[in-house]
C-alpha atoms as a PDB file:
ATOM      1  CA  UNK A   1     -21.781   5.709  24.905  1.00  0.00           C
ATOM      2  CA  UNK A   2     -18.498   6.116  26.767  1.00  0.00           C
ATOM      3  CA  UNK A   3     -14.947   5.407  25.606  1.00  0.00           C
ATOM      4  CA  UNK A   4     -14.650   1.982  27.218  1.00  0.00           C
ATOM      5  CA  UNK A   5     -18.161   1.001  26.190  1.00  0.00           C
ATOM      6  CA  UNK A   6     -17.373   1.624  22.529  1.00  0.00           C
ATOM      7  CA  UNK A   7     -14.085  -0.290  22.800  1.00  0.00           C
ATOM      8  CA  UNK A   8     -15.851  -3.271  24.360  1.00  0.00           C
ATOM      9  CA  UNK A   9     -18.686  -3.178  21.848  1.00  0.00           C
ATOM     10  CA  UNK A  10     -16.812  -2.621  18.570  1.00  0.00           C
ATOM     11  CA  UNK A  11     -13.126  -3.439  19.011  1.00  0.00           C
ATOM     12  CA  UNK A  12     -12.510  -5.837  21.921  1.00  0.00           C
ATOM     13  CA  UNK A  13     -11.935  -9.405  20.767  1.00  0.00           C
ATOM     14  CA  UNK A  14     -10.169 -12.337  22.436  1.00  0.00           C
ATOM     15  CA  UNK A  15      -6.665 -12.858  21.076  1.00  0.00           C
ATOM     16  CA  UNK A  16      -5.909 -16.334  19.786  1.00  0.00           C
ATOM     17  CA  UNK A  17      -2.206 -16.352  19.020  1.00  0.00           C
ATOM     18  CA  UNK A  18      -0.735 -13.686  21.291  1.00  0.00           C
ATOM     19  CA  UNK A  19      -0.074 -13.568  25.015  1.00  0.00           C
ATOM     20  CA  UNK A  20      -2.190 -10.521  25.886  1.00  0.00           C
ATOM     21  CA  UNK A  21      -4.423  -8.184  23.904  1.00  0.00           C
ATOM     22  CA  UNK A  22      -6.892  -5.380  24.681  1.00  0.00           C
ATOM     23  CA  UNK A  23      -7.581  -4.628  28.361  1.00  0.00           C
ATOM     24  CA  UNK A  24      -4.148  -4.048  29.890  1.00  0.00           C
ATOM     25  CA  UNK A  25      -1.505  -1.327  29.682  1.00  0.00           C
ATOM     26  CA  UNK A  26       0.446  -3.152  26.981  1.00  0.00           C
ATOM     27  CA  UNK A  27      -0.205  -5.947  24.514  1.00  0.00           C
ATOM     28  CA  UNK A  28       2.225  -8.862  24.508  1.00  0.00           C
ATOM     29  CA  UNK A  29       3.227 -10.404  21.170  1.00  0.00           C
ATOM     30  CA  UNK A  30       5.009 -13.704  20.701  1.00  0.00           C
ATOM     31  CA  UNK A  31       6.745 -13.991  17.308  1.00  0.00           C
ATOM     32  CA  UNK A  32       7.880 -17.469  16.329  1.00  0.00           C
ATOM     33  CA  UNK A  33      11.488 -18.513  17.065  1.00  0.00           C
ATOM     34  CA  UNK A  34      13.914 -17.315  14.405  1.00  0.00           C
ATOM     35  CA  UNK A  35      11.614 -14.480  13.335  1.00  0.00           C
ATOM     36  CA  UNK A  36      12.120 -10.723  13.369  1.00  0.00           C
ATOM     37  CA  UNK A  37       9.305  -8.280  14.131  1.00  0.00           C
ATOM     38  CA  UNK A  38       8.365  -5.880  11.311  1.00  0.00           C
ATOM     39  CA  UNK A  39       6.582  -2.762  12.602  1.00  0.00           C
ATOM     40  CA  UNK A  40       4.955   0.099  10.663  1.00  0.00           C
ATOM     41  CA  UNK A  41       2.535   2.975  11.370  1.00  0.00           C
ATOM     42  CA  UNK A  42       0.252   4.928   9.052  1.00  0.00           C
ATOM     43  CA  UNK A  43      -2.150   7.754   9.819  1.00  0.00           C
ATOM     44  CA  UNK A  44      -5.275   8.663   7.840  1.00  0.00           C
ATOM     45  CA  UNK A  45      -6.623  12.196   8.325  1.00  0.00           C
ATOM     46  CA  UNK A  46     -10.046  13.269   7.059  1.00  0.00           C
ATOM     47  CA  UNK A  47      -9.730  15.780   4.226  1.00  0.00           C
ATOM     48  CA  UNK A  48      -6.119  14.793   3.590  1.00  0.00           C
ATOM     49  CA  UNK A  49      -6.206  11.042   3.036  1.00  0.00           C
ATOM     50  CA  UNK A  50      -9.905  10.393   2.557  1.00  0.00           C
ATOM     51  CA  UNK A  51     -13.095  12.255   1.737  1.00  0.00           C
ATOM     52  CA  UNK A  52     -15.807  12.859   4.318  1.00  0.00           C
ATOM     53  CA  UNK A  53     -18.254  11.017   2.043  1.00  0.00           C
ATOM     54  CA  UNK A  54     -16.441   7.661   2.128  1.00  0.00           C
ATOM     55  CA  UNK A  55     -18.467   4.795   3.554  1.00  0.00           C
ATOM     56  CA  UNK A  56     -17.256   3.892   7.077  1.00  0.00           C
ATOM     57  CA  UNK A  57     -16.854   0.188   6.223  1.00  0.00           C
ATOM     58  CA  UNK A  58     -14.571   1.066   3.318  1.00  0.00           C
ATOM     59  CA  UNK A  59     -12.622   3.484   5.490  1.00  0.00           C
ATOM     60  CA  UNK A  60     -12.086   0.746   8.071  1.00  0.00           C
ATOM     61  CA  UNK A  61     -10.781  -1.530   5.318  1.00  0.00           C
ATOM     62  CA  UNK A  62      -8.419   1.096   3.909  1.00  0.00           C
ATOM     63  CA  UNK A  63      -7.080   2.140   7.304  1.00  0.00           C
ATOM     64  CA  UNK A  64      -5.694  -1.363   7.837  1.00  0.00           C
ATOM     65  CA  UNK A  65      -4.913  -2.066   4.169  1.00  0.00           C
ATOM     66  CA  UNK A  66      -2.374   0.751   3.886  1.00  0.00           C
ATOM     67  CA  UNK A  67      -0.525  -0.660   6.886  1.00  0.00           C
ATOM     68  CA  UNK A  68      -0.649  -4.242   5.627  1.00  0.00           C
ATOM     69  CA  UNK A  69       0.810  -2.914   2.367  1.00  0.00           C
ATOM     70  CA  UNK A  70       3.927  -1.856   4.293  1.00  0.00           C
ATOM     71  CA  UNK A  71       4.257  -5.371   5.701  1.00  0.00           C
ATOM     72  CA  UNK A  72       3.855  -6.731   2.166  1.00  0.00           C
ATOM     73  CA  UNK A  73       6.734  -4.549   0.949  1.00  0.00           C
ATOM     74  CA  UNK A  74       8.895  -6.034   3.691  1.00  0.00           C
ATOM     75  CA  UNK A  75       7.861  -9.619   2.906  1.00  0.00           C
ATOM     76  CA  UNK A  76       6.363  -9.964   6.394  1.00  0.00           C
ATOM     77  CA  UNK A  77       3.447 -12.039   7.642  1.00  0.00           C
ATOM     78  CA  UNK A  78       0.866  -9.962   9.575  1.00  0.00           C
ATOM     79  CA  UNK A  79       0.533 -10.691  13.297  1.00  0.00           C
ATOM     80  CA  UNK A  80      -1.319  -7.908  15.092  1.00  0.00           C
ATOM     81  CA  UNK A  81      -2.161  -4.199  15.096  1.00  0.00           C
ATOM     82  CA  UNK A  82      -3.124  -1.331  17.364  1.00  0.00           C
ATOM     83  CA  UNK A  83      -5.711   1.348  16.575  1.00  0.00           C
ATOM     84  CA  UNK A  84      -5.579   4.974  17.716  1.00  0.00           C
ATOM     85  CA  UNK A  85      -8.888   6.616  16.783  1.00  0.00           C
ATOM     86  CA  UNK A  86      -9.988  10.233  17.174  1.00  0.00           C
ATOM     87  CA  UNK A  87     -13.549  11.114  16.176  1.00  0.00           C
ATOM     88  CA  UNK A  88     -15.906  14.035  16.769  1.00  0.00           C
ATOM     89  CA  UNK A  89     -18.647  11.845  18.272  1.00  0.00           C
ATOM     90  CA  UNK A  90     -19.139   8.229  19.302  1.00  0.00           C
ATOM     91  CA  UNK A  91     -21.880   7.296  16.845  1.00  0.00           C
ATOM     92  CA  UNK A  92     -23.039   3.699  16.527  1.00  0.00           C
ATOM     93  CA  UNK A  93     -24.101   4.332  12.914  1.00  0.00           C
ATOM     94  CA  UNK A  94     -20.456   5.089  12.063  1.00  0.00           C
ATOM     95  CA  UNK A  95     -18.640   2.778  14.476  1.00  0.00           C
ATOM     96  CA  UNK A  96     -20.462  -0.416  13.501  1.00  0.00           C
ATOM     97  CA  UNK A  97     -19.630  -0.375   9.765  1.00  0.00           C
ATOM     98  CA  UNK A  98     -16.147   1.069  10.391  1.00  0.00           C
ATOM     99  CA  UNK A  99     -15.234  -1.731  12.793  1.00  0.00           C
ATOM    100  CA  UNK A 100     -16.851  -4.306  10.498  1.00  0.00           C
ATOM    101  CA  UNK A 101     -14.735  -3.254   7.496  1.00  0.00           C
ATOM    102  CA  UNK A 102     -11.595  -3.017   9.631  1.00  0.00           C
ATOM    103  CA  UNK A 103     -11.969  -6.390  11.301  1.00  0.00           C
ATOM    104  CA  UNK A 104     -13.070  -8.233   8.159  1.00  0.00           C
ATOM    105  CA  UNK A 105      -9.737  -7.390   6.511  1.00  0.00           C
ATOM    106  CA  UNK A 106      -7.909  -8.203   9.745  1.00  0.00           C
ATOM    107  CA  UNK A 107      -9.525 -11.643   9.847  1.00  0.00           C
ATOM    108  CA  UNK A 108      -8.656 -12.221   6.192  1.00  0.00           C
ATOM    109  CA  UNK A 109      -4.968 -11.819   7.050  1.00  0.00           C
ATOM    110  CA  UNK A 110      -4.981 -13.338  10.542  1.00  0.00           C
ATOM    111  CA  UNK A 111      -4.007  -9.964  12.033  1.00  0.00           C
ATOM    112  CA  UNK A 112      -5.360  -9.389  15.550  1.00  0.00           C
ATOM    113  CA  UNK A 113      -6.365  -6.065  17.098  1.00  0.00           C
ATOM    114  CA  UNK A 114      -4.448  -5.992  20.412  1.00  0.00           C
ATOM    115  CA  UNK A 115      -4.768  -2.417  21.722  1.00  0.00           C
ATOM    116  CA  UNK A 116      -4.795   1.298  20.971  1.00  0.00           C
ATOM    117  CA  UNK A 117      -6.507   4.485  22.089  1.00  0.00           C
ATOM    118  CA  UNK A 118      -9.693   6.473  21.471  1.00  0.00           C
ATOM    119  CA  UNK A 119     -10.339  10.194  21.951  1.00  0.00           C
ATOM    120  CA  UNK A 120     -12.648  13.003  20.848  1.00  0.00           C
ATOM    121  CA  UNK A 121     -11.374  15.212  18.028  1.00  0.00           C
ATOM    122  CA  UNK A 122     -11.266  15.620  14.231  1.00  0.00           C
ATOM    123  CA  UNK A 123     -11.545  12.243  12.503  1.00  0.00           C
ATOM    124  CA  UNK A 124      -8.072  10.724  12.505  1.00  0.00           C
ATOM    125  CA  UNK A 125      -7.115   7.038  12.296  1.00  0.00           C
ATOM    126  CA  UNK A 126      -3.638   5.816  13.191  1.00  0.00           C
ATOM    127  CA  UNK A 127      -2.746   2.132  12.994  1.00  0.00           C
ATOM    128  CA  UNK A 128       0.493   0.444  13.995  1.00  0.00           C
ATOM    129  CA  UNK A 129       0.884  -3.004  12.500  1.00  0.00           C
ATOM    130  CA  UNK A 130       3.203  -5.817  13.554  1.00  0.00           C
ATOM    131  CA  UNK A 131       4.431  -8.661  11.372  1.00  0.00           C
ATOM    132  CA  UNK A 132       7.099 -11.326  11.387  1.00  0.00           C
ATOM    133  CA  UNK A 133       9.707 -12.259   8.827  1.00  0.00           C
ATOM    134  CA  UNK A 134      12.462 -14.899   8.988  1.00  0.00           C
ATOM    135  CA  UNK A 135      15.752 -13.554  10.305  1.00  0.00           C
ATOM    136  CA  UNK A 136      17.671 -11.842   7.492  1.00  0.00           C
ATOM    137  CA  UNK A 137      14.964 -12.365   4.842  1.00  0.00           C
ATOM    138  CA  UNK A 138      13.131  -9.020   5.007  1.00  0.00           C
ATOM    139  CA  UNK A 139      12.765  -7.195   1.691  1.00  0.00           C
ATOM    140  CA  UNK A 140      14.436  -3.795   1.998  1.00  0.00           C
ATOM    141  CA  UNK A 141      14.747  -0.651  -0.100  1.00  0.00           C
ATOM    142  CA  UNK A 142      18.532  -0.875  -0.123  1.00  0.00           C
ATOM    143  CA  UNK A 143      19.135  -4.076  -2.091  1.00  0.00           C
ATOM    144  CA  UNK A 144      18.628  -3.086  -5.749  1.00  0.00           C
ATOM    145  CA  UNK A 145      21.645  -3.732  -7.990  1.00  0.00           C
ATOM    146  CA  UNK A 146      22.564  -2.653 -11.519  1.00  0.00           C
ATOM    147  CA  UNK A 147      21.115  -5.106 -14.030  1.00  0.00           C
ATOM    148  CA  UNK A 148      18.071  -5.972 -11.903  1.00  0.00           C
ATOM    149  CA  UNK A 149      14.645  -5.903 -13.528  1.00  0.00           C
ATOM    150  CA  UNK A 150      12.001  -3.524 -12.124  1.00  0.00           C
ATOM    151  CA  UNK A 151       8.484  -4.881 -11.607  1.00  0.00           C
ATOM    152  CA  UNK A 152       5.142  -3.519 -10.488  1.00  0.00           C
ATOM    153  CA  UNK A 153       2.235  -5.576  -9.157  1.00  0.00           C
ATOM    154  CA  UNK A 154      -1.380  -5.146 -10.201  1.00  0.00           C
ATOM    155  CA  UNK A 155      -2.529  -1.904 -11.828  1.00  0.00           C
ATOM    156  CA  UNK A 156      -1.726   1.746 -11.160  1.00  0.00           C
ATOM    157  CA  UNK A 157      -3.436   5.085 -11.707  1.00  0.00           C
ATOM    158  CA  UNK A 158      -7.049   4.168 -11.038  1.00  0.00           C
ATOM    159  CA  UNK A 159      -7.168   5.761  -7.579  1.00  0.00           C
ATOM    160  CA  UNK A 160      -5.946   9.017  -9.114  1.00  0.00           C
ATOM    161  CA  UNK A 161      -8.637   8.768 -11.801  1.00  0.00           C
ATOM    162  CA  UNK A 162     -11.315   8.430  -9.110  1.00  0.00           C
ATOM    163  CA  UNK A 163      -9.891  11.403  -7.221  1.00  0.00           C
ATOM    164  CA  UNK A 164     -10.011  13.610 -10.317  1.00  0.00           C
ATOM    165  CA  UNK A 165     -13.645  12.640 -10.889  1.00  0.00           C
ATOM    166  CA  UNK A 166     -14.417  13.631  -7.296  1.00  0.00           C
ATOM    167  CA  UNK A 167     -12.588  16.921  -7.885  1.00  0.00           C
ATOM    168  CA  UNK A 168     -14.671  17.569 -10.993  1.00  0.00           C
ATOM    169  CA  UNK A 169     -11.691  17.769 -13.369  1.00  0.00           C
ATOM    170  CA  UNK A 170     -12.561  14.537 -15.209  1.00  0.00           C
ATOM    171  CA  UNK A 171     -15.707  12.813 -16.456  1.00  0.00           C
ATOM    172  CA  UNK A 172     -15.854   9.065 -17.187  1.00  0.00           C
ATOM    173  CA  UNK A 173     -18.666   6.495 -17.544  1.00  0.00           C
ATOM    174  CA  UNK A 174     -20.279   5.511 -14.244  1.00  0.00           C
ATOM    175  CA  UNK A 175     -18.998   1.931 -14.356  1.00  0.00           C
ATOM    176  CA  UNK A 176     -15.414   3.133 -14.901  1.00  0.00           C
ATOM    177  CA  UNK A 177     -15.691   5.547 -11.987  1.00  0.00           C
ATOM    178  CA  UNK A 178     -17.089   2.894  -9.651  1.00  0.00           C
ATOM    179  CA  UNK A 179     -14.267   0.489 -10.490  1.00  0.00           C
ATOM    180  CA  UNK A 180     -11.659   3.206  -9.970  1.00  0.00           C
ATOM    181  CA  UNK A 181     -13.366   4.336  -6.770  1.00  0.00           C
ATOM    182  CA  UNK A 182     -13.158   0.802  -5.393  1.00  0.00           C
ATOM    183  CA  UNK A 183      -9.417   0.833  -6.049  1.00  0.00           C
ATOM    184  CA  UNK A 184      -9.089   4.143  -4.193  1.00  0.00           C
ATOM    185  CA  UNK A 185     -11.293   3.288  -1.220  1.00  0.00           C
ATOM    186  CA  UNK A 186     -10.566  -0.436  -0.801  1.00  0.00           C
ATOM    187  CA  UNK A 187      -7.031  -1.202  -1.957  1.00  0.00           C
ATOM    188  CA  UNK A 188      -5.761  -4.787  -1.876  1.00  0.00           C
ATOM    189  CA  UNK A 189      -2.551  -5.169   0.146  1.00  0.00           C
ATOM    190  CA  UNK A 190      -0.203  -7.553  -1.679  1.00  0.00           C
ATOM    191  CA  UNK A 191       0.738  -9.519   1.428  1.00  0.00           C
ATOM    192  CA  UNK A 192       0.941 -12.931  -0.246  1.00  0.00           C
ATOM    193  CA  UNK A 193       3.121 -11.600  -3.074  1.00  0.00           C
ATOM    194  CA  UNK A 194       5.529  -9.957  -0.632  1.00  0.00           C
ATOM    195  CA  UNK A 195       6.050 -13.225   1.221  1.00  0.00           C
ATOM    196  CA  UNK A 196       6.416 -15.173  -2.039  1.00  0.00           C
ATOM    197  CA  UNK A 197       9.163 -12.770  -3.169  1.00  0.00           C
ATOM    198  CA  UNK A 198      11.425 -13.465  -0.195  1.00  0.00           C
ATOM    199  CA  UNK A 199      14.718 -14.800  -1.493  1.00  0.00           C
ATOM    200  CA  UNK A 200      13.859 -13.652  -5.038  1.00  0.00           C
ATOM    201  CA  UNK A 201      13.446  -9.867  -4.971  1.00  0.00           C
ATOM    202  CA  UNK A 202      16.447  -7.715  -4.133  1.00  0.00           C
ATOM    203  CA  UNK A 203      14.377  -4.716  -2.977  1.00  0.00           C
ATOM    204  CA  UNK A 204      10.756  -3.678  -2.609  1.00  0.00           C
ATOM    205  CA  UNK A 205       8.531  -0.749  -1.659  1.00  0.00           C
ATOM    206  CA  UNK A 206       4.798  -0.183  -1.609  1.00  0.00           C
ATOM    207  CA  UNK A 207       3.430   2.488  -3.949  1.00  0.00           C
ATOM    208  CA  UNK A 208       1.561   5.063  -1.911  1.00  0.00           C
ATOM    209  CA  UNK A 209       2.802   8.439  -3.194  1.00  0.00           C
ATOM    210  CA  UNK A 210       3.334   7.551  -6.872  1.00  0.00           C
ATOM    211  CA  UNK A 211       5.493   4.999  -8.695  1.00  0.00           C
ATOM    212  CA  UNK A 212       8.381   7.283  -9.641  1.00  0.00           C
ATOM    213  CA  UNK A 213       8.525   8.993  -6.267  1.00  0.00           C
ATOM    214  CA  UNK A 214       8.457   5.758  -4.305  1.00  0.00           C
ATOM    215  CA  UNK A 215      10.899   4.038  -6.664  1.00  0.00           C
ATOM    216  CA  UNK A 216      13.191   7.001  -6.060  1.00  0.00           C
ATOM    217  CA  UNK A 217      13.459   5.979  -2.390  1.00  0.00           C
ATOM    218  CA  UNK A 218      14.721   2.557  -3.476  1.00  0.00           C
ATOM    219  CA  UNK A 219      17.240   4.082  -5.869  1.00  0.00           C
ATOM    220  CA  UNK A 220      18.637   6.490  -3.278  1.00  0.00           C
ATOM    221  CA  UNK A 221      18.972   3.861  -0.578  1.00  0.00           C
ATOM    222  CA  UNK A 222      20.501   1.377  -3.036  1.00  0.00           C
ATOM    223  CA  UNK A 223      22.859   3.940  -4.626  1.00  0.00           C
ATOM    224  CA  UNK A 224      21.661   3.195  -8.183  1.00  0.00           C
ATOM    225  CA  UNK A 225      19.519   4.634 -10.984  1.00  0.00           C
ATOM    226  CA  UNK A 226      16.875   3.238 -13.315  1.00  0.00           C
ATOM    227  CA  UNK A 227      15.377   3.357 -16.781  1.00  0.00           C
ATOM    228  CA  UNK A 228      11.593   3.005 -17.049  1.00  0.00           C
ATOM    229  CA  UNK A 229       9.920   2.037 -20.311  1.00  0.00           C
ATOM    230  CA  UNK A 230       6.815   4.179 -20.768  1.00  0.00           C
ATOM    231  CA  UNK A 231       4.858   1.759 -22.983  1.00  0.00           C
ATOM    232  CA  UNK A 232       4.679  -1.229 -20.595  1.00  0.00           C
ATOM    233  CA  UNK A 233       4.182   1.176 -17.683  1.00  0.00           C
ATOM    234  CA  UNK A 234       1.182   2.787 -19.374  1.00  0.00           C
ATOM    235  CA  UNK A 235      -0.524  -0.592 -19.834  1.00  0.00           C
ATOM    236  CA  UNK A 236      -0.762  -0.892 -16.052  1.00  0.00           C
ATOM    237  CA  UNK A 237      -3.830   1.340 -15.885  1.00  0.00           C
ATOM    238  CA  UNK A 238      -7.079  -0.609 -15.905  1.00  0.00           C
ATOM    239  CA  UNK A 239      -9.107   2.444 -16.987  1.00  0.00           C
ATOM    240  CA  UNK A 240      -6.606   3.549 -19.627  1.00  0.00           C
ATOM    241  CA  UNK A 241      -9.168   3.704 -22.428  1.00  0.00           C
ATOM    242  CA  UNK A 242     -10.821   6.665 -20.726  1.00  0.00           C
ATOM    243  CA  UNK A 243      -7.743   8.935 -20.863  1.00  0.00           C
ATOM    244  CA  UNK A 244      -5.448  10.457 -23.431  1.00  0.00           C
ATOM    245  CA  UNK A 245      -1.928   9.046 -23.474  1.00  0.00           C
ATOM    246  CA  UNK A 246      -0.396  11.934 -21.540  1.00  0.00           C
ATOM    247  CA  UNK A 247      -2.860  11.765 -18.627  1.00  0.00           C
ATOM    248  CA  UNK A 248      -2.702   7.977 -18.617  1.00  0.00           C
ATOM    249  CA  UNK A 249       1.067   8.031 -18.129  1.00  0.00           C
ATOM    250  CA  UNK A 250       0.845  10.758 -15.492  1.00  0.00           C
ATOM    251  CA  UNK A 251      -1.682   8.824 -13.423  1.00  0.00           C
ATOM    252  CA  UNK A 252       0.352   5.612 -13.652  1.00  0.00           C
ATOM    253  CA  UNK A 253       3.718   7.185 -12.842  1.00  0.00           C
ATOM    254  CA  UNK A 254       2.683   9.799 -10.293  1.00  0.00           C
ATOM    255  CA  UNK A 255      -0.927   9.128  -9.307  1.00  0.00           C
ATOM    256  CA  UNK A 256      -0.397   7.660  -5.857  1.00  0.00           C
ATOM    257  CA  UNK A 257      -2.753   5.838  -3.468  1.00  0.00           C
ATOM    258  CA  UNK A 258      -2.244   2.577  -5.393  1.00  0.00           C
ATOM    259  CA  UNK A 259      -0.815   0.353  -2.633  1.00  0.00           C
ATOM    260  CA  UNK A 260       0.781  -2.012  -5.103  1.00  0.00           C
ATOM    261  CA  UNK A 261       4.384  -3.233  -4.839  1.00  0.00           C
ATOM    262  CA  UNK A 262       7.335  -2.021  -6.865  1.00  0.00           C
ATOM    263  CA  UNK A 263      10.252  -4.423  -6.602  1.00  0.00           C
ATOM    264  CA  UNK A 264      13.512  -5.445  -8.240  1.00  0.00           C
ATOM    265  CA  UNK A 265      14.953  -8.857  -9.032  1.00  0.00           C
ATOM    266  CA  UNK A 266      17.888 -10.191 -11.083  1.00  0.00           C
ATOM    267  CA  UNK A 267      17.110 -11.031 -14.715  1.00  0.00           C
ATOM    268  CA  UNK A 268      18.039 -14.648 -13.917  1.00  0.00           C
ATOM    269  CA  UNK A 269      15.048 -14.763 -11.546  1.00  0.00           C
ATOM    270  CA  UNK A 270      12.335 -13.970 -14.112  1.00  0.00           C
ATOM    271  CA  UNK A 271      10.798 -17.429 -13.932  1.00  0.00           C
ATOM    272  CA  UNK A 272      10.902 -17.336 -10.135  1.00  0.00           C
ATOM    273  CA  UNK A 273       9.199 -13.932 -10.119  1.00  0.00           C
ATOM    274  CA  UNK A 274       6.426 -15.247 -12.342  1.00  0.00           C
ATOM    275  CA  UNK A 275       6.062 -18.312 -10.126  1.00  0.00           C
ATOM    276  CA  UNK A 276       5.713 -16.019  -7.071  1.00  0.00           C
ATOM    277  CA  UNK A 277       3.090 -13.996  -8.917  1.00  0.00           C
ATOM    278  CA  UNK A 278       1.165 -17.149  -9.827  1.00  0.00           C
ATOM    279  CA  UNK A 279       1.442 -18.524  -6.293  1.00  0.00           C
ATOM    280  CA  UNK A 280       0.021 -15.292  -4.810  1.00  0.00           C
ATOM    281  CA  UNK A 281      -2.614 -14.784  -7.514  1.00  0.00           C
ATOM    282  CA  UNK A 282      -1.204 -11.356  -8.355  1.00  0.00           C
ATOM    283  CA  UNK A 283      -0.205 -10.063 -11.774  1.00  0.00           C
ATOM    284  CA  UNK A 284       3.213  -8.435 -12.168  1.00  0.00           C
ATOM    285  CA  UNK A 285       4.629  -6.367 -15.032  1.00  0.00           C
ATOM    286  CA  UNK A 286       8.290  -5.776 -15.836  1.00  0.00           C
ATOM    287  CA  UNK A 287       8.701  -2.068 -16.610  1.00  0.00           C
ATOM    288  CA  UNK A 288      12.418  -1.281 -16.548  1.00  0.00           C
ATOM    289  CA  UNK A 289      15.943  -1.969 -15.359  1.00  0.00           C
ATOM    290  CA  UNK A 290      18.214  -0.830 -12.562  1.00  0.00           C
ATOM    291  CA  UNK A 291      21.318   1.009 -13.794  1.00  0.00           C
ATOM    292  CA  UNK A 292      24.523   2.182 -12.148  1.00  0.00           C
ATOM    293  CA  UNK A 293      24.018   5.827 -13.205  1.00  0.00           C
ATOM    294  CA  UNK A 294      21.913   7.698 -10.607  1.00  0.00           C
ATOM    295  CA  UNK A 295      18.497   9.131 -11.483  1.00  0.00           C
ATOM    296  CA  UNK A 296      15.410   7.888 -13.330  1.00  0.00           C
ATOM    297  CA  UNK A 297      15.292   7.909 -17.124  1.00  0.00           C
ATOM    298  CA  UNK A 298      11.891   7.524 -18.772  1.00  0.00           C
ATOM    299  CA  UNK A 299      12.141   5.945 -22.240  1.00  0.00           C
ATOM    300  CA  UNK A 300       9.636   5.945 -25.106  1.00  0.00           C
ATOM    301  CA  UNK A 301       8.855   2.973 -27.370  1.00  0.00           C
ATOM    302  CA  UNK A 302      11.998   3.604 -29.432  1.00  0.00           C
ATOM    303  CA  UNK A 303      14.220   3.700 -26.358  1.00  0.00           C
ATOM    304  CA  UNK A 304      14.630   7.485 -26.477  1.00  0.00           C
ATOM    305  CA  UNK A 305      14.698   9.576 -23.320  1.00  0.00           C
ATOM    306  CA  UNK A 306      11.487  11.475 -22.612  1.00  0.00           C
ATOM    307  CA  UNK A 307      11.832  14.992 -21.214  1.00  0.00           C
ATOM    308  CA  UNK A 308       8.538  15.060 -19.332  1.00  0.00           C
ATOM    309  CA  UNK A 309       8.933  15.336 -15.546  1.00  0.00           C
ATOM    310  CA  UNK A 310       6.527  13.604 -13.167  1.00  0.00           C
ATOM    311  CA  UNK A 311       6.405  14.445  -9.477  1.00  0.00           C
ATOM    312  CA  UNK A 312       4.985  12.533  -6.550  1.00  0.00           C
ATOM    313  CA  UNK A 313       2.860  13.331  -3.522  1.00  0.00           C
ATOM    314  CA  UNK A 314       4.500  15.029  -0.552  1.00  0.00           C
ATOM    315  CA  UNK A 315       2.434  15.833   2.544  1.00  0.00           C
ATOM    316  CA  UNK A 316       4.141  19.172   3.104  1.00  0.00           C
ATOM    317  CA  UNK A 317       5.210  20.197  -0.414  1.00  0.00           C
ATOM    318  CA  UNK A 318       1.933  19.171  -2.089  1.00  0.00           C
ATOM    319  CA  UNK A 319      -1.065  21.526  -1.880  1.00  0.00           C
END
């Protein structure tokens, strides 16, 4: 099977909303009047971002999900994406389920595949996603203000739990592992929540490298600090009963690979935040406050500062 045969068989689809898709030198997108384009790219490398044992359909899902998560953090509506795919061999047994998982999630969000590239090489998946957001309404990392509440969507830490089971450093019941594994291999991008938070949240970011590390990007770009309350944060982990308190907090605060949203909003907007959560069918938890003093302060149940330091994933600093 040649390069263009596999594109035609597994990835070529007629575009419905855009001017031109796969088959020419460039795709042509047509955002609605008064909209800005939101663009993001993410790369998944075998052995770095996913295990060689992952099912191809789940890998296809995750490859797009991590990109849609960036659009969610911006409050953007998905439009289209491109796929750059390197693989050792063109195998139908891999390509069919991979494309099925990829395109099923794309259809769920009305996001069309409009182009890309394929080549032979180590398995590497790079997606560039395009979305639209009303002019001036994009959620940014730079808008947090002192006094804002800090929220997190969904649950955190379960992907890290699954990774540690794969590494052999942790043992949990089979049903707990399978649930955590699903969170690691098929994350749910919070696209609807991101759009519902436009005009309510003052800043947002998706959690890919760990809550504290990603929240730190918001704080630096906003020129503020934060206090995080450990007790409500720890309740975010769905598999918490399987871990001691110290590991539970570590996985929640620094586990990574969660693809939930961390966002800030004024205290006066608490009802609006809950309404946005209800509208999008996504749970949110308030875990702290933005402060004027730089840095992140982790507080225990009595409001005392905790001395424990939690890092976050870095592609070049992390082993």
